[in-house]
All heavy atoms as atom14 arrays in JSON, in Angstrom:
{
  "sequence": "VTNDKAAKVYVARDAEEHVTKKIIDACNSKS",
  "atom14_mask": [
    [1, 1, 1, 1, 1, 1, 1, 0, 0, 0, 0, 0, 0, 0],
    [1, 1, 1, 1, 1, 1, 1, 0, 0, 0, 0, 0, 0, 0],
    [1, 1, 1, 1, 1, 1, 1, 1, 0, 0, 0, 0, 0, 0],
    [1, 1, 1, 1, 1, 1, 1, 1, 0, 0, 0, 0, 0, 0],
    [1, 1, 1, 1, 1, 1, 1, 1, 1, 0, 0, 0, 0, 0],
    [1, 1, 1, 1, 1, 0, 0, 0, 0, 0, 0, 0, 0, 0],
    [1, 1, 1, 1, 1, 0, 0, 0, 0, 0, 0, 0, 0, 0],
    [1, 1, 1, 1, 1, 1, 1, 1, 1, 0, 0, 0, 0, 0],
    [1, 1, 1, 1, 1, 1, 1, 0, 0, 0, 0, 0, 0, 0],
    [1, 1, 1, 1, 1, 1, 1, 1, 1, 1, 1, 1, 0, 0],
    [1, 1, 1, 1, 1, 1, 1, 0, 0, 0, 0, 0, 0, 0],
    [1, 1, 1, 1, 1, 0, 0, 0, 0, 0, 0, 0, 0, 0],
    [1, 1, 1, 1, 1, 1, 1, 1, 1, 1, 1, 0, 0, 0],
    [1, 1, 1, 1, 1, 1, 1, 1, 0, 0, 0, 0, 0, 0],
    [1, 1, 1, 1, 1, 0, 0, 0, 0, 0, 0, 0, 0, 0],
    [1, 1, 1, 1, 1, 1, 1, 1, 1, 0, 0, 0, 0, 0],
    [1, 1, 1, 1, 1, 1, 1, 1, 1, 0, 0, 0, 0, 0],
    [1, 1, 1, 1, 1, 1, 1, 1, 1, 1, 0, 0, 0, 0],
    [1, 1, 1, 1, 1, 1, 1, 0, 0, 0, 0, 0, 0, 0],
    [1, 1, 1, 1, 1, 1, 1, 0, 0, 0, 0, 0, 0, 0],
    [1, 1, 1, 1, 1, 1, 1, 1, 1, 0, 0, 0, 0, 0],
    [1, 1, 1, 1, 1, 1, 1, 1, 1, 0, 0, 0, 0, 0],
    [1, 1, 1, 1, 1, 1, 1, 1, 0, 0, 0, 0, 0, 0],
    [1, 1, 1, 1, 1, 1, 1, 1, 0, 0, 0, 0, 0, 0],
    [1, 1, 1, 1, 1, 1, 1, 1, 0, 0, 0, 0, 0, 0],
    [1, 1, 1, 1, 1, 0, 0, 0, 0, 0, 0, 0, 0, 0],
    [1, 1, 1, 1, 1, 1, 0, 0, 0, 0, 0, 0, 0, 0],
    [1, 1, 1, 1, 1, 1, 1, 1, 0, 0, 0, 0, 0, 0],
    [1, 1, 1, 1, 1, 1, 0, 0, 0, 0, 0, 0, 0, 0],
    [1, 1, 1, 1, 1, 1, 1, 1, 1, 0, 0, 0, 0, 0],
    [1, 1, 1, 1, 1, 1, 0, 0, 0, 0, 0, 0, 0, 0]
  ],
  "atom14_positions": [
    [[-69.1, 69.34, -46.97], [-69.71, 68.8, -45.75], [-70.39, 67.47, -46.05], [-70.18, 66.48, -45.35], [-70.72, 69.81, -45.14], [-71.53, 69.16, -44.03], [-69.98, 71.04, -44.63], [0.0, 0.0, 0.0], [0.0, 0.0, 0.0], [0.0, 0.0, 0.0], [0.0, 0.0, 0.0], [0.0, 0.0, 0.0], [0.0, 0.0, 0.0], [0.0, 0.0, 0.0]],
    [[-71.19, 67.43, -47.11], [-71.94, 66.2, -47.39], [-71.03, 65.06, -47.84], [-71.36, 63.9, -47.65], [-73.05, 66.44, -48.44], [-72.48, 67.02, -49.61], [-74.13, 67.36, -47.91], [0.0, 0.0, 0.0], [0.0, 0.0, 0.0], [0.0, 0.0, 0.0], [0.0, 0.0, 0.0], [0.0, 0.0, 0.0], [0.0, 0.0, 0.0], [0.0, 0.0, 0.0]],
    [[-69.88, 65.38, -48.4], [-68.93, 64.35, -48.82], [-67.91, 64.02, -47.73], [-66.9, 63.37, -48.0], [-68.19, 64.79, -50.09], [-69.11, 64.85, -51.29], [-70.12, 64.18, -51.34], [-68.76, 65.67, -52.26], [0.0, 0.0, 0.0], [0.0, 0.0, 0.0], [0.0, 0.0, 0.0], [0.0, 0.0, 0.0], [0.0, 0.0, 0.0], [0.0, 0.0, 0.0]],
    [[-68.14, 64.51, -46.52], [-67.24, 64.26, -45.38], [-65.81, 64.74, -45.64], [-64.86, 64.1, -45.21], [-67.24, 62.77, -44.99], [-68.58, 62.36, -44.41], [-69.14, 63.13, -43.61], [-69.05, 61.26, -44.75], [0.0, 0.0, 0.0], [0.0, 0.0, 0.0], [0.0, 0.0, 0.0], [0.0, 0.0, 0.0], [0.0, 0.0, 0.0], [0.0, 0.0, 0.0]],
    [[-65.66, 65.82, -46.35], [-64.34, 66.37, -46.63], [-64.03, 67.61, -45.79], [-62.91, 68.08, -45.78], [-64.2, 66.7, -48.11], [-64.19, 65.47, -49.01], [-63.83, 65.84, -50.42], [-63.83, 64.75, -51.45], [-63.77, 63.39, -51.03], [0.0, 0.0, 0.0], [0.0, 0.0, 0.0], [0.0, 0.0, 0.0], [0.0, 0.0, 0.0], [0.0, 0.0, 0.0]],
    [[-65.04, 68.16, -45.12], [-64.85, 69.4, -44.35], [-64.39, 69.09, -42.93], [-64.97, 68.25, -42.24], [-66.14, 70.2, -44.31], [0.0, 0.0, 0.0], [0.0, 0.0, 0.0], [0.0, 0.0, 0.0], [0.0, 0.0, 0.0], [0.0, 0.0, 0.0], [0.0, 0.0, 0.0], [0.0, 0.0, 0.0], [0.0, 0.0, 0.0], [0.0, 0.0, 0.0]],
    [[-63.31, 69.76, -42.5], [-62.84, 69.62, -41.13], [-63.51, 70.66, -40.24], [-63.82, 70.42, -39.08], [-61.33, 69.79, -41.08], [0.0, 0.0, 0.0], [0.0, 0.0, 0.0], [0.0, 0.0, 0.0], [0.0, 0.0, 0.0], [0.0, 0.0, 0.0], [0.0, 0.0, 0.0], [0.0, 0.0, 0.0], [0.0, 0.0, 0.0], [0.0, 0.0, 0.0]],
    [[-63.72, 71.85, -40.81], [-64.28, 72.97, -40.07], [-64.99, 73.87, -41.07], [-64.53, 74.01, -42.2], [-63.14, 73.74, -39.4], [-63.58, 74.8, -38.42], [-62.4, 75.56, -37.87], [-61.54, 74.69, -36.96], [-60.41, 75.44, -36.4], [0.0, 0.0, 0.0], [0.0, 0.0, 0.0], [0.0, 0.0, 0.0], [0.0, 0.0, 0.0], [0.0, 0.0, 0.0]],
    [[-66.1, 74.46, -40.67], [-66.86, 75.32, -41.57], [-66.95, 76.72, -40.97], [-67.13, 76.88, -39.76], [-68.27, 74.73, -41.83], [-69.17, 75.72, -42.53], [-68.16, 73.44, -42.64], [0.0, 0.0, 0.0], [0.0, 0.0, 0.0], [0.0, 0.0, 0.0], [0.0, 0.0, 0.0], [0.0, 0.0, 0.0], [0.0, 0.0, 0.0], [0.0, 0.0, 0.0]],
    [[-66.79, 77.72, -41.82], [-66.9, 79.12, -41.42], [-68.18, 79.69, -42.03], [-68.44, 79.5, -43.21], [-65.7, 79.91, -41.93], [-64.39, 79.4, -41.36], [-63.68, 78.38, -41.99], [-63.88, 79.94, -40.18], [-62.49, 77.9, -41.46], [-62.68, 79.46, -39.65], [-62.01, 78.45, -40.28], [-60.83, 77.97, -39.75], [0.0, 0.0, 0.0], [0.0, 0.0, 0.0]],
    [[-68.96, 80.38, -41.2], [-70.22, 80.97, -41.66], [-70.23, 82.44, -41.27], [-69.97, 82.8, -40.12], [-71.44, 80.25, -41.02], [-72.74, 80.93, -41.4], [-71.46, 78.78, -41.43], [0.0, 0.0, 0.0], [0.0, 0.0, 0.0], [0.0, 0.0, 0.0], [0.0, 0.0, 0.0], [0.0, 0.0, 0.0], [0.0, 0.0, 0.0], [0.0, 0.0, 0.0]],
    [[-70.55, 83.3, -42.24], [-70.67, 84.74, -41.97], [-72.02, 85.01, -41.31], [-73.06, 84.54, -41.78], [-70.54, 85.53, -43.27], [0.0, 0.0, 0.0], [0.0, 0.0, 0.0], [0.0, 0.0, 0.0], [0.0, 0.0, 0.0], [0.0, 0.0, 0.0], [0.0, 0.0, 0.0], [0.0, 0.0, 0.0], [0.0, 0.0, 0.0], [0.0, 0.0, 0.0]],
    [[-71.99, 85.76, -40.21], [-73.23, 86.05, -39.48], [-74.2, 86.89, -40.3], [-75.41, 86.82, -40.08], [-72.91, 86.8, -38.18], [-72.21, 85.95, -37.15], [-72.08, 86.71, -35.83], [-71.17, 86.04, -34.91], [-71.5, 85.02, -34.15], [-72.69, 84.52, -34.19], [-70.61, 84.47, -33.34], [0.0, 0.0, 0.0], [0.0, 0.0, 0.0], [0.0, 0.0, 0.0]],
    [[-73.69, 87.69, -41.23], [-74.59, 88.55, -42.01], [-75.03, 87.92, -43.33], [-75.7, 88.56, -44.14], [-73.96, 89.93, -42.24], [-72.73, 89.89, -43.13], [-72.15, 88.79, -43.34], [-72.33, 90.96, -43.62], [0.0, 0.0, 0.0], [0.0, 0.0, 0.0], [0.0, 0.0, 0.0], [0.0, 0.0, 0.0], [0.0, 0.0, 0.0], [0.0, 0.0, 0.0]],
    [[-74.69, 86.66, -43.55], [-75.14, 85.97, -44.76], [-76.62, 85.64, -44.61], [-77.12, 85.49, -43.51], [-74.33, 84.69, -44.96], [0.0, 0.0, 0.0], [0.0, 0.0, 0.0], [0.0, 0.0, 0.0], [0.0, 0.0, 0.0], [0.0, 0.0, 0.0], [0.0, 0.0, 0.0], [0.0, 0.0, 0.0], [0.0, 0.0, 0.0], [0.0, 0.0, 0.0]],
    [[-77.31, 85.54, -45.76], [-78.74, 85.24, -45.7], [-78.97, 83.82, -45.21], [-78.27, 82.88, -45.61], [-79.34, 85.44, -47.09], [-79.3, 86.89, -47.53], [-80.03, 87.11, -48.83], [-81.04, 86.43, -49.08], [-79.58, 87.97, -49.6], [0.0, 0.0, 0.0], [0.0, 0.0, 0.0], [0.0, 0.0, 0.0], [0.0, 0.0, 0.0], [0.0, 0.0, 0.0]],
    [[-79.97, 83.69, -44.37], [-80.23, 82.39, -43.72], [-80.53, 81.29, -44.72], [-80.12, 80.15, -44.54], [-81.37, 82.52, -42.71], [-81.54, 81.26, -41.89], [-82.71, 81.31, -40.91], [-83.19, 82.42, -40.63], [-83.11, 80.24, -40.45], [0.0, 0.0, 0.0], [0.0, 0.0, 0.0], [0.0, 0.0, 0.0], [0.0, 0.0, 0.0], [0.0, 0.0, 0.0]],
    [[-81.25, 81.62, -45.81], [-81.58, 80.56, -46.77], [-80.33, 80.0, -47.45], [-80.35, 78.89, -47.97], [-82.62, 81.04, -47.81], [-82.07, 81.98, -48.83], [-82.19, 83.35, -48.72], [-81.42, 81.76, -49.99], [-81.61, 83.92, -49.77], [-81.14, 82.98, -50.55], [0.0, 0.0, 0.0], [0.0, 0.0, 0.0], [0.0, 0.0, 0.0], [0.0, 0.0, 0.0]],
    [[-79.24, 80.77, -47.41], [-77.98, 80.3, -47.98], [-77.24, 79.4, -46.98], [-76.67, 78.38, -47.34], [-77.08, 81.51, -48.36], [-75.7, 81.04, -48.81], [-77.74, 82.35, -49.44], [0.0, 0.0, 0.0], [0.0, 0.0, 0.0], [0.0, 0.0, 0.0], [0.0, 0.0, 0.0], [0.0, 0.0, 0.0], [0.0, 0.0, 0.0], [0.0, 0.0, 0.0]],
    [[-77.29, 79.77, -45.72], [-76.46, 79.09, -44.72], [-77.18, 77.97, -43.95], [-76.52, 77.09, -43.41], [-75.93, 80.09, -43.69], [-77.03, 80.73, -43.02], [-75.06, 81.15, -44.35], [0.0, 0.0, 0.0], [0.0, 0.0, 0.0], [0.0, 0.0, 0.0], [0.0, 0.0, 0.0], [0.0, 0.0, 0.0], [0.0, 0.0, 0.0], [0.0, 0.0, 0.0]],
    [[-78.5, 78.0, -43.91], [-79.23, 77.07, -43.03], [-78.93, 75.61, -43.34], [-78.65, 74.83, -42.43], [-80.74, 77.33, -43.11], [-81.51, 76.45, -42.13], [-82.96, 76.82, -42.04], [-83.75, 76.01, -41.04], [-83.1, 74.92, -40.36], [0.0, 0.0, 0.0], [0.0, 0.0, 0.0], [0.0, 0.0, 0.0], [0.0, 0.0, 0.0], [0.0, 0.0, 0.0]],
    [[-78.98, 75.2, -44.6], [-78.78, 73.77, -44.89], [-77.33, 73.36, -44.6], [-77.09, 72.21, -44.23], [-79.19, 73.42, -46.32], [-78.29, 73.9, -47.41], [-78.78, 73.39, -48.76], [-77.8, 73.75, -49.86], [-78.19, 73.2, -51.15], [0.0, 0.0, 0.0], [0.0, 0.0, 0.0], [0.0, 0.0, 0.0], [0.0, 0.0, 0.0], [0.0, 0.0, 0.0]],
    [[-76.41, 74.28, -44.73], [-75.0, 73.99, -44.41], [-74.85, 73.8, -42.9], [-74.21, 72.85, -42.44], [-74.08, 75.1, -44.94], [-74.11, 75.09, -46.47], [-72.66, 74.94, -44.41], [-73.53, 76.32, -47.12], [0.0, 0.0, 0.0], [0.0, 0.0, 0.0], [0.0, 0.0, 0.0], [0.0, 0.0, 0.0], [0.0, 0.0, 0.0], [0.0, 0.0, 0.0]],
    [[-75.45, 74.72, -42.13], [-75.39, 74.62, -40.68], [-76.04, 73.32, -40.21], [-75.5, 72.6, -39.37], [-76.04, 75.86, -40.02], [-75.19, 77.1, -40.3], [-76.23, 75.65, -38.52], [-75.85, 78.42, -39.98], [0.0, 0.0, 0.0], [0.0, 0.0, 0.0], [0.0, 0.0, 0.0], [0.0, 0.0, 0.0], [0.0, 0.0, 0.0], [0.0, 0.0, 0.0]],
    [[-77.21, 73.0, -40.78], [-77.9, 71.75, -40.41], [-77.05, 70.53, -40.73], [-76.96, 69.59, -39.93], [-79.25, 71.64, -41.14], [-80.27, 72.66, -40.64], [-80.04, 73.26, -39.56], [-81.29, 72.86, -41.32], [0.0, 0.0, 0.0], [0.0, 0.0, 0.0], [0.0, 0.0, 0.0], [0.0, 0.0, 0.0], [0.0, 0.0, 0.0], [0.0, 0.0, 0.0]],
    [[-76.41, 70.55, -41.91], [-75.56, 69.42, -42.31], [-74.36, 69.29, -41.37], [-73.99, 68.18, -40.98], [-75.1, 69.59, -43.75], [0.0, 0.0, 0.0], [0.0, 0.0, 0.0], [0.0, 0.0, 0.0], [0.0, 0.0, 0.0], [0.0, 0.0, 0.0], [0.0, 0.0, 0.0], [0.0, 0.0, 0.0], [0.0, 0.0, 0.0], [0.0, 0.0, 0.0]],
    [[-73.77, 70.42, -41.0], [-72.63, 70.4, -40.06], [-73.07, 69.82, -38.71], [-72.35, 69.01, -38.13], [-72.09, 71.81, -39.84], [-71.18, 72.44, -41.24], [0.0, 0.0, 0.0], [0.0, 0.0, 0.0], [0.0, 0.0, 0.0], [0.0, 0.0, 0.0], [0.0, 0.0, 0.0], [0.0, 0.0, 0.0], [0.0, 0.0, 0.0], [0.0, 0.0, 0.0]],
    [[-74.23, 70.26, -38.24], [-74.72, 69.77, -36.95], [-74.98, 68.27, -37.0], [-74.64, 67.55, -36.05], [-75.99, 70.53, -36.54], [-75.68, 71.96, -36.14], [-74.56, 72.28, -35.75], [-76.66, 72.82, -36.26], [0.0, 0.0, 0.0], [0.0, 0.0, 0.0], [0.0, 0.0, 0.0], [0.0, 0.0, 0.0], [0.0, 0.0, 0.0], [0.0, 0.0, 0.0]],
    [[-75.52, 67.78, -38.1], [-75.82, 66.35, -38.17], [-74.54, 65.52, -38.28], [-74.53, 64.36, -37.91], [-76.77, 66.06, -39.34], [-76.09, 66.15, -40.56], [0.0, 0.0, 0.0], [0.0, 0.0, 0.0], [0.0, 0.0, 0.0], [0.0, 0.0, 0.0], [0.0, 0.0, 0.0], [0.0, 0.0, 0.0], [0.0, 0.0, 0.0], [0.0, 0.0, 0.0]],
    [[-73.46, 66.12, -38.77], [-72.2, 65.4, -38.91], [-71.17, 65.8, -37.84], [-70.01, 65.42, -37.91], [-71.6, 65.64, -40.3], [-72.44, 64.98, -41.4], [-71.82, 65.23, -42.75], [-72.56, 64.51, -43.84], [-72.17, 63.11, -43.98], [0.0, 0.0, 0.0], [0.0, 0.0, 0.0], [0.0, 0.0, 0.0], [0.0, 0.0, 0.0], [0.0, 0.0, 0.0]],
    [[-71.6, 66.61, -36.87], [-70.73, 67.08, -35.78], [-69.47, 67.78, -36.29], [-68.37, 67.55, -35.78], [-70.35, 65.92, -34.86], [-71.51, 65.35, -34.31], [0.0, 0.0, 0.0], [0.0, 0.0, 0.0], [0.0, 0.0, 0.0], [0.0, 0.0, 0.0], [0.0, 0.0, 0.0], [0.0, 0.0, 0.0], [0.0, 0.0, 0.0], [0.0, 0.0, 0.0]]
  ]
}
């Protein structure tokens, strides 16, 4: 995501938030 190589990101709903939050935030900031 940070290197602009991700086209789409998949996130498991039952994953711990501290693991997924920065990824979700990065995705949102890069649309």
